[in-house]
Amino acid sequence: MPIFKSKHIDKSLDVVDKLVVDKDKKAEIASEIVENELNSSSWFVRSARPMIVYVGLLVIILEVFGVRLHILGEAEGKIKASNAIFEYFLMTWSGVISIYIGGRSYEKAKIRQLKKAHKK
């Protein structure tokens, strides 16, 4: 018997079983995962995806005010390397945000479609 047993773990394991057995229900499984995240008692689990957006925006705002360059001082080599890292951060973060927005749009469209199906 496992030490850590909870309904969230059981639901997650059920989702994994469905993924392995039936690949045609990916949209249903994704909505179950989102529902489990929203019903979780953990603040972090409910807020992890939006937190990626907010942390990235905070980093960009700090960049606008020159905080990174102020911290680095006048070390030209460090600034050049830091600029390269920041460019990679922007590319990665914008990719993650694009996927997040696309996923949320898909989830909302799927929910609207399900509501329409239930009304009929």
PDB file of N, CA and C in Angstrom:
ATOM      1  N   MET A   1       0.849  -1.187   0.000  1.00  0.00           N
ATOM      2  CA  MET A   1       0.000   0.000   0.000  1.00  0.00           C
ATOM      3  C   MET A   1       0.885   1.238   0.000  1.00  0.00           C
ATOM      4  N   PRO A   2       0.681   2.156  -0.937  1.00  0.00           N
ATOM      5  CA  PRO A   2       1.513   3.348  -0.997  1.00  0.00           C
ATOM      6  C   PRO A   2       1.299   4.247   0.212  1.00  0.00           C
ATOM      7  N   ILE A   3       2.362   4.941   0.578  1.00  0.00           N
ATOM      8  CA  ILE A   3       2.303   5.862   1.712  1.00  0.00           C
ATOM      9  C   ILE A   3       1.456   7.071   1.357  1.00  0.00           C
ATOM     10  N   PHE A   4       1.663   7.641   0.171  1.00  0.00           N
ATOM     11  CA  PHE A   4       0.946   8.841  -0.246  1.00  0.00           C
ATOM     12  C   PHE A   4      -0.196   8.438  -1.167  1.00  0.00           C
ATOM     13  N   LYS A   5      -1.369   8.379  -0.655  1.00  0.00           N
ATOM     14  CA  LYS A   5      -2.544   7.982  -1.429  1.00  0.00           C
ATOM     15  C   LYS A   5      -3.530   9.146  -1.410  1.00  0.00           C
ATOM     16  N   SER A   6      -3.936   9.597  -2.562  1.00  0.00           N
ATOM     17  CA  SER A   6      -4.925  10.667  -2.613  1.00  0.00           C
ATOM     18  C   SER A   6      -5.760  10.519  -3.862  1.00  0.00           C
ATOM     19  N   LYS A   7      -6.880  11.226  -3.880  1.00  0.00           N
ATOM     20  CA  LYS A   7      -7.753  11.152  -5.051  1.00  0.00           C
ATOM     21  C   LYS A   7      -7.087  11.777  -6.276  1.00  0.00           C
ATOM     22  N   HIS A   8      -6.206  12.774  -6.057  1.00  0.00           N
ATOM     23  CA  HIS A   8      -5.520  13.407  -7.177  1.00  0.00           C
ATOM     24  C   HIS A   8      -4.532  12.439  -7.826  1.00  0.00           C
ATOM     25  N   ILE A   9      -3.849  11.660  -7.010  1.00  0.00           N
ATOM     26  CA  ILE A   9      -2.925  10.670  -7.558  1.00  0.00           C
ATOM     27  C   ILE A   9      -3.702   9.598  -8.323  1.00  0.00           C
ATOM     28  N   ASP A  10      -4.823   9.162  -7.741  1.00  0.00           N
ATOM     29  CA  ASP A  10      -5.642   8.157  -8.424  1.00  0.00           C
ATOM     30  C   ASP A  10      -6.148   8.671  -9.760  1.00  0.00           C
ATOM     31  N   LYS A  11      -6.597   9.928  -9.799  1.00  0.00           N
ATOM     32  CA  LYS A  11      -7.084  10.502 -11.051  1.00  0.00           C
ATOM     33  C   LYS A  11      -5.957  10.611 -12.071  1.00  0.00           C
ATOM     34  N   SER A  12      -4.774  11.002 -11.597  1.00  0.00           N
ATOM     35  CA  SER A  12      -3.632  11.099 -12.507  1.00  0.00           C
ATOM     36  C   SER A  12      -3.271   9.733 -13.077  1.00  0.00           C
ATOM     37  N   LEU A  13      -3.300   8.707 -12.232  1.00  0.00           N
ATOM     38  CA  LEU A  13      -3.002   7.359 -12.704  1.00  0.00           C
ATOM     39  C   LEU A  13      -4.061   6.878 -13.690  1.00  0.00           C
ATOM     40  N   ASP A  14      -5.317   7.245 -13.433  1.00  0.00           N
ATOM     41  CA  ASP A  14      -6.376   6.888 -14.383  1.00  0.00           C
ATOM     42  C   ASP A  14      -6.119   7.541 -15.735  1.00  0.00           C
ATOM     43  N   VAL A  15      -5.675   8.794 -15.710  1.00  0.00           N
ATOM     44  CA  VAL A  15      -5.377   9.508 -16.954  1.00  0.00           C
ATOM     45  C   VAL A  15      -4.247   8.808 -17.698  1.00  0.00           C
ATOM     46  N   VAL A  16      -3.213   8.401 -16.974  1.00  0.00           N
ATOM     47  CA  VAL A  16      -2.090   7.704 -17.610  1.00  0.00           C
ATOM     48  C   VAL A  16      -2.567   6.400 -18.233  1.00  0.00           C
ATOM     49  N   ASP A  17      -3.407   5.659 -17.517  1.00  0.00           N
ATOM     50  CA  ASP A  17      -3.938   4.409 -18.070  1.00  0.00           C
ATOM     51  C   ASP A  17      -4.725   4.663 -19.342  1.00  0.00           C
ATOM     52  N   LYS A  18      -5.518   5.728 -19.358  1.00  0.00           N
ATOM     53  CA  LYS A  18      -6.295   6.043 -20.556  1.00  0.00           C
ATOM     54  C   LYS A  18      -5.387   6.429 -21.719  1.00  0.00           C
ATOM     55  N   LEU A  19      -4.309   7.134 -21.420  1.00  0.00           N
ATOM     56  CA  LEU A  19      -3.377   7.519 -22.480  1.00  0.00           C
ATOM     57  C   LEU A  19      -2.744   6.303 -23.128  1.00  0.00           C
ATOM     58  N   VAL A  20      -2.377   5.356 -22.298  1.00  0.00           N
ATOM     59  CA  VAL A  20      -1.704   4.173 -22.812  1.00  0.00           C
ATOM     60  C   VAL A  20      -2.677   3.297 -23.589  1.00  0.00           C
ATOM     61  N   VAL A  21      -3.907   3.182 -23.108  1.00  0.00           N
ATOM     62  CA  VAL A  21      -4.865   2.260 -23.703  1.00  0.00           C
ATOM     63  C   VAL A  21      -5.605   2.870 -24.896  1.00  0.00           C
ATOM     64  N   ASP A  22      -6.103   4.081 -24.767  1.00  0.00           N
ATOM     65  CA  ASP A  22      -6.970   4.656 -25.799  1.00  0.00           C
ATOM     66  C   ASP A  22      -6.452   6.023 -26.223  1.00  0.00           C
ATOM     67  N   LYS A  23      -5.809   6.071 -27.364  1.00  0.00           N
ATOM     68  CA  LYS A  23      -5.194   7.310 -27.836  1.00  0.00           C
ATOM     69  C   LYS A  23      -6.201   8.260 -28.472  1.00  0.00           C
ATOM     70  N   ASP A  24      -7.428   7.812 -28.746  1.00  0.00           N
ATOM     71  CA  ASP A  24      -8.427   8.647 -29.402  1.00  0.00           C
ATOM     72  C   ASP A  24      -9.095   9.640 -28.459  1.00  0.00           C
ATOM     73  N   LYS A  25      -8.884   9.498 -27.169  1.00  0.00           N
ATOM     74  CA  LYS A  25      -9.557  10.366 -26.202  1.00  0.00           C
ATOM     75  C   LYS A  25      -8.623  11.419 -25.619  1.00  0.00           C
ATOM     76  N   LYS A  26      -7.680  11.906 -26.393  1.00  0.00           N
ATOM     77  CA  LYS A  26      -6.709  12.872 -25.884  1.00  0.00           C
ATOM     78  C   LYS A  26      -7.361  14.163 -25.413  1.00  0.00           C
ATOM     79  N   ALA A  27      -8.342  14.643 -26.129  1.00  0.00           N
ATOM     80  CA  ALA A  27      -9.015  15.888 -25.728  1.00  0.00           C
ATOM     81  C   ALA A  27      -9.741  15.705 -24.406  1.00  0.00           C
ATOM     82  N   GLU A  28     -10.386  14.574 -24.237  1.00  0.00           N
ATOM     83  CA  GLU A  28     -11.094  14.295 -22.985  1.00  0.00           C
ATOM     84  C   GLU A  28     -10.115  14.189 -21.823  1.00  0.00           C
ATOM     85  N   ILE A  29      -8.997  13.546 -22.060  1.00  0.00           N
ATOM     86  CA  ILE A  29      -7.978  13.395 -21.027  1.00  0.00           C
ATOM     87  C   ILE A  29      -7.394  14.750 -20.654  1.00  0.00           C
ATOM     88  N   ALA A  30      -7.143  15.582 -21.662  1.00  0.00           N
ATOM     89  CA  ALA A  30      -6.608  16.919 -21.383  1.00  0.00           C
ATOM     90  C   ALA A  30      -7.576  17.725 -20.540  1.00  0.00           C
ATOM     91  N   SER A  31      -8.868  17.632 -20.823  1.00  0.00           N
ATOM     92  CA  SER A  31      -9.838  18.378 -20.022  1.00  0.00           C
ATOM     93  C   SER A  31      -9.914  17.828 -18.602  1.00  0.00           C
ATOM     94  N   GLU A  32      -9.740  16.520 -18.437  1.00  0.00           N
ATOM     95  CA  GLU A  32      -9.708  15.939 -17.092  1.00  0.00           C
ATOM     96  C   GLU A  32      -8.509  16.455 -16.305  1.00  0.00           C
ATOM     97  N   ILE A  33      -7.365  16.556 -16.982  1.00  0.00           N
ATOM     98  CA  ILE A  33      -6.166  17.057 -16.310  1.00  0.00           C
ATOM     99  C   ILE A  33      -6.380  18.499 -15.871  1.00  0.00           C
ATOM    100  N   VAL A  34      -6.942  19.324 -16.754  1.00  0.00           N
ATOM    101  CA  VAL A  34      -7.202  20.718 -16.402  1.00  0.00           C
ATOM    102  C   VAL A  34      -8.199  20.800 -15.253  1.00  0.00           C
ATOM    103  N   GLU A  35      -9.244  19.978 -15.303  1.00  0.00           N
ATOM    104  CA  GLU A  35     -10.239  19.965 -14.231  1.00  0.00           C
ATOM    105  C   GLU A  35      -9.600  19.551 -12.903  1.00  0.00           C
ATOM    106  N   ASN A  36      -8.729  18.548 -12.951  1.00  0.00           N
ATOM    107  CA  ASN A  36      -8.035  18.127 -11.733  1.00  0.00           C
ATOM    108  C   ASN A  36      -7.126  19.227 -11.202  1.00  0.00           C
ATOM    109  N   GLU A  37      -6.470  19.956 -12.115  1.00  0.00           N
ATOM    110  CA  GLU A  37      -5.631  21.067 -11.680  1.00  0.00           C
ATOM    111  C   GLU A  37      -6.471  22.133 -10.995  1.00  0.00           C
ATOM    112  N   LEU A  38      -7.615  22.466 -11.587  1.00  0.00           N
ATOM    113  CA  LEU A  38      -8.463  23.516 -11.031  1.00  0.00           C
ATOM    114  C   LEU A  38      -9.093  23.101  -9.702  1.00  0.00           C
ATOM    115  N   ASN A  39      -9.373  21.814  -9.537  1.00  0.00           N
ATOM    116  CA  ASN A  39      -9.978  21.327  -8.296  1.00  0.00           C
ATOM    117  C   ASN A  39      -8.953  20.979  -7.229  1.00  0.00           C
ATOM    118  N   SER A  40      -7.683  21.102  -7.553  1.00  0.00           N
ATOM    119  CA  SER A  40      -6.626  20.755  -6.606  1.00  0.00           C
ATOM    120  C   SER A  40      -6.638  21.714  -5.419  1.00  0.00           C
ATOM    121  N   SER A  41      -6.280  21.191  -4.270  1.00  0.00           N
ATOM    122  CA  SER A  41      -6.205  22.041  -3.078  1.00  0.00           C
ATOM    123  C   SER A  41      -4.881  22.796  -3.018  1.00  0.00           C
ATOM    124  N   SER A  42      -3.969  22.473  -3.898  1.00  0.00           N
ATOM    125  CA  SER A  42      -2.667  23.129  -3.922  1.00  0.00           C
ATOM    126  C   SER A  42      -2.725  24.390  -4.777  1.00  0.00           C
ATOM    127  N   TRP A  43      -2.326  25.517  -4.197  1.00  0.00           N
ATOM    128  CA  TRP A  43      -2.309  26.775  -4.930  1.00  0.00           C
ATOM    129  C   TRP A  43      -1.362  26.677  -6.116  1.00  0.00           C
ATOM    130  N   PHE A  44      -0.208  26.064  -5.922  1.00  0.00           N
ATOM    131  CA  PHE A  44       0.789  25.999  -6.990  1.00  0.00           C
ATOM    132  C   PHE A  44       0.294  25.189  -8.178  1.00  0.00           C
ATOM    133  N   VAL A  45      -0.362  24.069  -7.929  1.00  0.00           N
ATOM    134  CA  VAL A  45      -0.858  23.230  -9.021  1.00  0.00           C
ATOM    135  C   VAL A  45      -1.889  23.996  -9.851  1.00  0.00           C
ATOM    136  N   ARG A  46      -2.769  24.765  -9.178  1.00  0.00           N
ATOM    137  CA  ARG A  46      -3.784  25.535  -9.894  1.00  0.00           C
ATOM    138  C   ARG A  46      -3.181  26.700 -10.658  1.00  0.00           C
ATOM    139  N   SER A  47      -2.048  27.221 -10.200  1.00  0.00           N
ATOM    140  CA  SER A  47      -1.516  28.469 -10.750  1.00  0.00           C
ATOM    141  C   SER A  47      -0.215  28.316 -11.520  1.00  0.00           C
ATOM    142  N   ALA A  48       0.273  27.116 -11.719  1.00  0.00           N
ATOM    143  CA  ALA A  48       1.588  26.933 -12.340  1.00  0.00           C
ATOM    144  C   ALA A  48       1.627  27.443 -13.771  1.00  0.00           C
ATOM    145  N   ARG A  49       0.633  27.101 -14.573  1.00  0.00           N
ATOM    146  CA  ARG A  49       0.666  27.542 -15.973  1.00  0.00           C
ATOM    147  C   ARG A  49       0.557  29.063 -16.098  1.00  0.00           C
ATOM    148  N   PRO A  50      -0.392  29.713 -15.411  1.00  0.00           N
ATOM    149  CA  PRO A  50      -0.419  31.178 -15.507  1.00  0.00           C
ATOM    150  C   PRO A  50       0.827  31.836 -14.914  1.00  0.00           C
ATOM    151  N   MET A  51       1.459  31.185 -13.937  1.00  0.00           N
ATOM    152  CA  MET A  51       2.642  31.755 -13.317  1.00  0.00           C
ATOM    153  C   MET A  51       3.780  31.897 -14.335  1.00  0.00           C
ATOM    154  N   ILE A  52       3.859  30.996 -15.297  1.00  0.00           N
ATOM    155  CA  ILE A  52       4.880  31.101 -16.347  1.00  0.00           C
ATOM    156  C   ILE A  52       4.715  32.418 -17.094  1.00  0.00           C
ATOM    157  N   VAL A  53       3.470  32.786 -17.356  1.00  0.00           N
ATOM    158  CA  VAL A  53       3.184  34.045 -18.050  1.00  0.00           C
ATOM    159  C   VAL A  53       3.649  35.224 -17.200  1.00  0.00           C
ATOM    160  N   TYR A  54       3.268  35.226 -15.927  1.00  0.00           N
ATOM    161  CA  TYR A  54       3.562  36.365 -15.048  1.00  0.00           C
ATOM    162  C   TYR A  54       5.056  36.515 -14.772  1.00  0.00           C
ATOM    163  N   VAL A  55       5.764  35.414 -14.580  1.00  0.00           N
ATOM    164  CA  VAL A  55       7.209  35.495 -14.332  1.00  0.00           C
ATOM    165  C   VAL A  55       7.919  36.042 -15.567  1.00  0.00           C
ATOM    166  N   GLY A  56       7.523  35.575 -16.741  1.00  0.00           N
ATOM    167  CA  GLY A  56       8.121  36.096 -17.972  1.00  0.00           C
ATOM    168  C   GLY A  56       7.872  37.580 -18.151  1.00  0.00           C
ATOM    169  N   LEU A  57       6.643  38.016 -17.873  1.00  0.00           N
ATOM    170  CA  LEU A  57       6.336  39.440 -17.963  1.00  0.00           C
ATOM    171  C   LEU A  57       7.152  40.253 -16.973  1.00  0.00           C
ATOM    172  N   LEU A  58       7.348  39.730 -15.763  1.00  0.00           N
ATOM    173  CA  LEU A  58       8.162  40.410 -14.757  1.00  0.00           C
ATOM    174  C   LEU A  58       9.602  40.555 -15.239  1.00  0.00           C
ATOM    175  N   VAL A  59      10.154  39.500 -15.803  1.00  0.00           N
ATOM    176  CA  VAL A  59      11.528  39.550 -16.321  1.00  0.00           C
ATOM    177  C   VAL A  59      11.640  40.589 -17.432  1.00  0.00           C
ATOM    178  N   ILE A  60      10.665  40.640 -18.294  1.00  0.00           N
ATOM    179  CA  ILE A  60      10.687  41.616 -19.392  1.00  0.00           C
ATOM    180  C   ILE A  60      10.570  43.041 -18.860  1.00  0.00           C
ATOM    181  N   ILE A  61       9.713  43.257 -17.882  1.00  0.00           N
ATOM    182  CA  ILE A  61       9.581  44.591 -17.283  1.00  0.00           C
ATOM    183  C   ILE A  61      10.889  45.016 -16.623  1.00  0.00           C
ATOM    184  N   LEU A  62      11.524  44.086 -15.909  1.00  0.00           N
ATOM    185  CA  LEU A  62      12.822  44.405 -15.290  1.00  0.00           C
ATOM    186  C   LEU A  62      13.858  44.742 -16.358  1.00  0.00           C
ATOM    187  N   GLU A  63      13.778  44.072 -17.483  1.00  0.00           N
ATOM    188  CA  GLU A  63      14.701  44.347 -18.594  1.00  0.00           C
ATOM    189  C   GLU A  63      14.466  45.747 -19.162  1.00  0.00           C
ATOM    190  N   VAL A  64      13.204  46.133 -19.272  1.00  0.00           N
ATOM    191  CA  VAL A  64      12.872  47.464 -19.793  1.00  0.00           C
ATOM    192  C   VAL A  64      13.497  48.551 -18.922  1.00  0.00           C
ATOM    193  N   PHE A  65      13.493  48.325 -17.618  1.00  0.00           N
ATOM    194  CA  PHE A  65      14.067  49.308 -16.698  1.00  0.00           C
ATOM    195  C   PHE A  65      15.579  49.157 -16.532  1.00  0.00           C
ATOM    196  N   GLY A  66      16.185  48.212 -17.232  1.00  0.00           N
ATOM    197  CA  GLY A  66      17.635  48.061 -17.233  1.00  0.00           C
ATOM    198  C   GLY A  66      18.223  47.433 -15.984  1.00  0.00           C
ATOM    199  N   VAL A  67      17.450  46.676 -15.258  1.00  0.00           N
ATOM    200  CA  VAL A  67      17.932  46.069 -14.015  1.00  0.00           C
ATOM    201  C   VAL A  67      19.085  45.107 -14.277  1.00  0.00           C
ATOM    202  N   ARG A  68      18.953  44.281 -15.316  1.00  0.00           N
ATOM    203  CA  ARG A  68      20.003  43.301 -15.615  1.00  0.00           C
ATOM    204  C   ARG A  68      21.313  43.994 -15.962  1.00  0.00           C
ATOM    205  N   LEU A  69      21.253  45.010 -16.803  1.00  0.00           N
ATOM    206  CA  LEU A  69      22.471  45.723 -17.193  1.00  0.00           C
ATOM    207  C   LEU A  69      23.073  46.486 -16.016  1.00  0.00           C
ATOM    208  N   HIS A  70      22.241  47.002 -15.144  1.00  0.00           N
ATOM    209  CA  HIS A  70      22.734  47.694 -13.954  1.00  0.00           C
ATOM    210  C   HIS A  70      23.474  46.727 -13.026  1.00  0.00           C
ATOM    211  N   ILE A  71      22.927  45.524 -12.883  1.00  0.00           N
ATOM    212  CA  ILE A  71      23.565  44.520 -12.024  1.00  0.00           C
ATOM    213  C   ILE A  71      24.910  44.093 -12.608  1.00  0.00           C
ATOM    214  N   LEU A  72      24.980  43.941 -13.925  1.00  0.00           N
ATOM    215  CA  LEU A  72      26.226  43.494 -14.556  1.00  0.00           C
ATOM    216  C   LEU A  72      27.311  44.573 -14.552  1.00  0.00           C
ATOM    217  N   GLY A  73      26.898  45.806 -14.450  1.00  0.00           N
ATOM    218  CA  GLY A  73      27.884  46.881 -14.420  1.00  0.00           C
ATOM    219  C   GLY A  73      28.452  47.153 -15.797  1.00  0.00           C
ATOM    220  N   GLU A  74      29.793  47.288 -15.860  1.00  0.00           N
ATOM    221  CA  GLU A  74      30.419  47.670 -17.125  1.00  0.00           C
ATOM    222  C   GLU A  74      31.254  46.550 -17.722  1.00  0.00           C
ATOM    223  N   ALA A  75      31.004  45.328 -17.324  1.00  0.00           N
ATOM    224  CA  ALA A  75      31.748  44.191 -17.864  1.00  0.00           C
ATOM    225  C   ALA A  75      31.190  43.836 -19.238  1.00  0.00           C
ATOM    226  N   GLU A  76      31.901  44.259 -20.290  1.00  0.00           N
ATOM    227  CA  GLU A  76      31.394  44.118 -21.655  1.00  0.00           C
ATOM    228  C   GLU A  76      31.182  42.653 -22.051  1.00  0.00           C
ATOM    229  N   GLY A  77      32.081  41.776 -21.681  1.00  0.00           N
ATOM    230  CA  GLY A  77      31.946  40.362 -22.021  1.00  0.00           C
ATOM    231  C   GLY A  77      30.729  39.732 -21.358  1.00  0.00           C
ATOM    232  N   LYS A  78      30.497  40.091 -20.092  1.00  0.00           N
ATOM    233  CA  LYS A  78      29.333  39.556 -19.382  1.00  0.00           C
ATOM    234  C   LYS A  78      28.036  40.080 -19.993  1.00  0.00           C
ATOM    235  N   ILE A  79      28.043  41.340 -20.401  1.00  0.00           N
ATOM    236  CA  ILE A  79      26.843  41.921 -20.996  1.00  0.00           C
ATOM    237  C   ILE A  79      26.520  41.232 -22.313  1.00  0.00           C
ATOM    238  N   LYS A  80      27.546  40.972 -23.116  1.00  0.00           N
ATOM    239  CA  LYS A  80      27.347  40.302 -24.407  1.00  0.00           C
ATOM    240  C   LYS A  80      26.756  38.901 -24.191  1.00  0.00           C
ATOM    241  N   ALA A  81      27.311  38.152 -23.254  1.00  0.00           N
ATOM    242  CA  ALA A  81      26.809  36.809 -22.956  1.00  0.00           C
ATOM    243  C   ALA A  81      25.397  36.877 -22.379  1.00  0.00           C
ATOM    244  N   SER A  82      25.170  37.853 -21.519  1.00  0.00           N
ATOM    245  CA  SER A  82      23.863  38.010 -20.913  1.00  0.00           C
ATOM    246  C   SER A  82      22.808  38.382 -21.948  1.00  0.00           C
ATOM    247  N   ASN A  83      23.181  39.205 -22.926  1.00  0.00           N
ATOM    248  CA  ASN A  83      22.254  39.557 -24.008  1.00  0.00           C
ATOM    249  C   ASN A  83      21.858  38.322 -24.805  1.00  0.00           C
ATOM    250  N   ALA A  84      22.822  37.454 -25.069  1.00  0.00           N
ATOM    251  CA  ALA A  84      22.540  36.221 -25.811  1.00  0.00           C
ATOM    252  C   ALA A  84      21.581  35.329 -25.016  1.00  0.00           C
ATOM    253  N   ILE A  85      21.832  35.211 -23.724  1.00  0.00           N
ATOM    254  CA  ILE A  85      20.955  34.396 -22.869  1.00  0.00           C
ATOM    255  C   ILE A  85      19.551  34.992 -22.837  1.00  0.00           C
ATOM    256  N   PHE A  86      19.469  36.320 -22.740  1.00  0.00           N
ATOM    257  CA  PHE A  86      18.166  36.968 -22.699  1.00  0.00           C
ATOM    258  C   PHE A  86      17.412  36.764 -24.012  1.00  0.00           C
ATOM    259  N   GLU A  87      18.112  36.775 -25.142  1.00  0.00           N
ATOM    260  CA  GLU A  87      17.459  36.509 -26.428  1.00  0.00           C
ATOM    261  C   GLU A  87      16.891  35.089 -26.468  1.00  0.00           C
ATOM    262  N   TYR A  88      17.651  34.114 -25.965  1.00  0.00           N
ATOM    263  CA  TYR A  88      17.151  32.741 -25.900  1.00  0.00           C
ATOM    264  C   TYR A  88      15.961  32.640 -24.969  1.00  0.00           C
ATOM    265  N   PHE A  89      16.005  33.371 -23.860  1.00  0.00           N
ATOM    266  CA  PHE A  89      14.874  33.394 -22.930  1.00  0.00           C
ATOM    267  C   PHE A  89      13.626  33.908 -23.641  1.00  0.00           C
ATOM    268  N   LEU A  90      13.765  35.009 -24.380  1.00  0.00           N
ATOM    269  CA  LEU A  90      12.608  35.584 -25.071  1.00  0.00           C
ATOM    270  C   LEU A  90      12.036  34.622 -26.108  1.00  0.00           C
ATOM    271  N   MET A  91      12.907  33.954 -26.859  1.00  0.00           N
ATOM    272  CA  MET A  91      12.429  32.993 -27.857  1.00  0.00           C
ATOM    273  C   MET A  91      11.708  31.824 -27.177  1.00  0.00           C
ATOM    274  N   THR A  92      12.304  31.289 -26.122  1.00  0.00           N
ATOM    275  CA  THR A  92      11.714  30.150 -25.428  1.00  0.00           C
ATOM    276  C   THR A  92      10.414  30.541 -24.763  1.00  0.00           C
ATOM    277  N   TRP A  93      10.422  31.672 -24.060  1.00  0.00           N
ATOM    278  CA  TRP A  93       9.228  32.120 -23.346  1.00  0.00           C
ATOM    279  C   TRP A  93       8.091  32.409 -24.324  1.00  0.00           C
ATOM    280  N   SER A  94       8.393  33.054 -25.434  1.00  0.00           N
ATOM    281  CA  SER A  94       7.334  33.353 -26.407  1.00  0.00           C
ATOM    282  C   SER A  94       6.780  32.069 -27.022  1.00  0.00           C
ATOM    283  N   GLY A  95       7.628  31.063 -27.217  1.00  0.00           N
ATOM    284  CA  GLY A  95       7.148  29.769 -27.698  1.00  0.00           C
ATOM    285  C   GLY A  95       6.233  29.090 -26.700  1.00  0.00           C
ATOM    286  N   VAL A  96       6.631  29.115 -25.431  1.00  0.00           N
ATOM    287  CA  VAL A  96       5.808  28.515 -24.373  1.00  0.00           C
ATOM    288  C   VAL A  96       4.472  29.244 -24.272  1.00  0.00           C
ATOM    289  N   ILE A  97       4.503  30.558 -24.336  1.00  0.00           N
ATOM    290  CA  ILE A  97       3.273  31.341 -24.236  1.00  0.00           C
ATOM    291  C   ILE A  97       2.369  31.071 -25.438  1.00  0.00           C
ATOM    292  N   SER A  98       2.956  30.921 -26.610  1.00  0.00           N
ATOM    293  CA  SER A  98       2.155  30.605 -27.798  1.00  0.00           C
ATOM    294  C   SER A  98       1.443  29.268 -27.635  1.00  0.00           C
ATOM    295  N   ILE A  99       2.156  28.290 -27.130  1.00  0.00           N
ATOM    296  CA  ILE A  99       1.556  26.978 -26.891  1.00  0.00           C
ATOM    297  C   ILE A  99       0.478  27.074 -25.814  1.00  0.00           C
ATOM    298  N   TYR A 100       0.752  27.843 -24.759  1.00  0.00           N
ATOM    299  CA  TYR A 100      -0.211  28.028 -23.672  1.00  0.00           C
ATOM    300  C   TYR A 100      -1.493  28.671 -24.208  1.00  0.00           C
ATOM    301  N   ILE A 101      -1.355  29.734 -24.993  1.00  0.00           N
ATOM    302  CA  ILE A 101      -2.524  30.429 -25.541  1.00  0.00           C
ATOM    303  C   ILE A 101      -3.292  29.511 -26.480  1.00  0.00           C
ATOM    304  N   GLY A 102      -2.571  28.779 -27.315  1.00  0.00           N
ATOM    305  CA  GLY A 102      -3.225  27.835 -28.209  1.00  0.00           C
ATOM    306  C   GLY A 102      -3.968  26.748 -27.447  1.00  0.00           C
ATOM    307  N   GLY A 103      -3.346  26.226 -26.405  1.00  0.00           N
ATOM    308  CA  GLY A 103      -3.980  25.191 -25.586  1.00  0.00           C
ATOM    309  C   GLY A 103      -5.219  25.701 -24.875  1.00  0.00           C
ATOM    310  N   ARG A 104      -5.132  26.899 -24.310  1.00  0.00           N
ATOM    311  CA  ARG A 104      -6.281  27.486 -23.620  1.00  0.00           C
ATOM    312  C   ARG A 104      -7.416  27.754 -24.613  1.00  0.00           C
ATOM    313  N   SER A 105      -7.077  28.240 -25.800  1.00  0.00           N
ATOM    314  CA  SER A 105      -8.105  28.484 -26.814  1.00  0.00           C
ATOM    315  C   SER A 105      -8.785  27.176 -27.208  1.00  0.00           C
ATOM    316  N   TYR A 106      -7.983  26.126 -27.358  1.00  0.00           N
ATOM    317  CA  TYR A 106      -8.534  24.815 -27.695  1.00  0.00           C
ATOM    318  C   TYR A 106      -9.444  24.309 -26.575  1.00  0.00           C
ATOM    319  N   GLU A 107      -8.995  24.451 -25.315  1.00  0.00           N
ATOM    320  CA  GLU A 107      -9.804  24.011 -24.175  1.00  0.00           C
ATOM    321  C   GLU A 107     -11.130  24.756 -24.131  1.00  0.00           C
ATOM    322  N   LYS A 108     -11.098  26.068 -24.325  1.00  0.00           N
ATOM    323  CA  LYS A 108     -12.322  26.862 -24.284  1.00  0.00           C
ATOM    324  C   LYS A 108     -13.257  26.484 -25.427  1.00  0.00           C
ATOM    325  N   ALA A 109     -12.709  26.270 -26.619  1.00  0.00           N
ATOM    326  CA  ALA A 109     -13.535  25.867 -27.751  1.00  0.00           C
ATOM    327  C   ALA A 109     -14.168  24.503 -27.501  1.00  0.00           C
ATOM    328  N   LYS A 110     -13.402  23.610 -26.905  1.00  0.00           N
ATOM    329  CA  LYS A 110     -13.912  22.279 -26.605  1.00  0.00           C
ATOM    330  C   LYS A 110     -15.019  22.351 -25.559  1.00  0.00           C
ATOM    331  N   ILE A 111     -14.850  23.210 -24.556  1.00  0.00           N
ATOM    332  CA  ILE A 111     -15.877  23.371 -23.523  1.00  0.00           C
ATOM    333  C   ILE A 111     -17.153  23.926 -24.147  1.00  0.00           C
ATOM    334  N   ARG A 112     -17.025  24.951 -25.029  1.00  0.00           N
ATOM    335  CA  ARG A 112     -18.199  25.505 -25.713  1.00  0.00           C
ATOM    336  C   ARG A 112     -18.889  24.442 -26.549  1.00  0.00           C
ATOM    337  N   GLN A 113     -18.095  23.611 -27.218  1.00  0.00           N
ATOM    338  CA  GLN A 113     -18.655  22.552 -28.051  1.00  0.00           C
ATOM    339  C   GLN A 113     -19.407  21.537 -27.180  1.00  0.00           C
ATOM    340  N   LEU A 114     -18.854  21.187 -26.037  1.00  0.00           N
ATOM    341  CA  LEU A 114     -19.515  20.249 -25.133  1.00  0.00           C
ATOM    342  C   LEU A 114     -20.814  20.833 -24.571  1.00  0.00           C
ATOM    343  N   LYS A 115     -20.796  22.138 -24.241  1.00  0.00           N
ATOM    344  CA  LYS A 115     -22.007  22.790 -23.726  1.00  0.00           C
ATOM    345  C   LYS A 115     -23.103  22.795 -24.787  1.00  0.00           C
ATOM    346  N   LYS A 116     -22.725  23.064 -26.040  1.00  0.00           N
ATOM    347  CA  LYS A 116     -23.705  23.048 -27.120  1.00  0.00           C
ATOM    348  C   LYS A 116     -24.287  21.646 -27.303  1.00  0.00           C
ATOM    349  N   ALA A 117     -23.438  20.632 -27.178  1.00  0.00           N
ATOM    350  CA  ALA A 117     -23.884  19.243 -27.335  1.00  0.00           C
ATOM    351  C   ALA A 117     -24.847  18.855 -26.222  1.00  0.00           C
ATOM    352  N   HIS A 118     -24.605  19.350 -25.001  1.00  0.00           N
ATOM    353  CA  HIS A 118     -25.496  19.029 -23.870  1.00  0.00           C
ATOM    354  C   HIS A 118     -26.840  19.741 -23.978  1.00  0.00           C
ATOM    355  N   LYS A 119     -26.879  20.913 -24.612  1.00  0.00           N
ATOM    356  CA  LYS A 119     -28.122  21.661 -24.771  1.00  0.00           C
ATOM    357  C   LYS A 119     -29.059  20.971 -25.756  1.00  0.00           C
ATOM    358  N   LYS A 120     -28.479  20.280 -26.709  1.00  0.00           N
ATOM    359  CA  LYS A 120     -29.306  19.600 -27.742  1.00  0.00           C
ATOM    360  C   LYS A 120     -29.905  18.391 -27.195  1.00  0.00           C
TER     361      LYS A 120
END
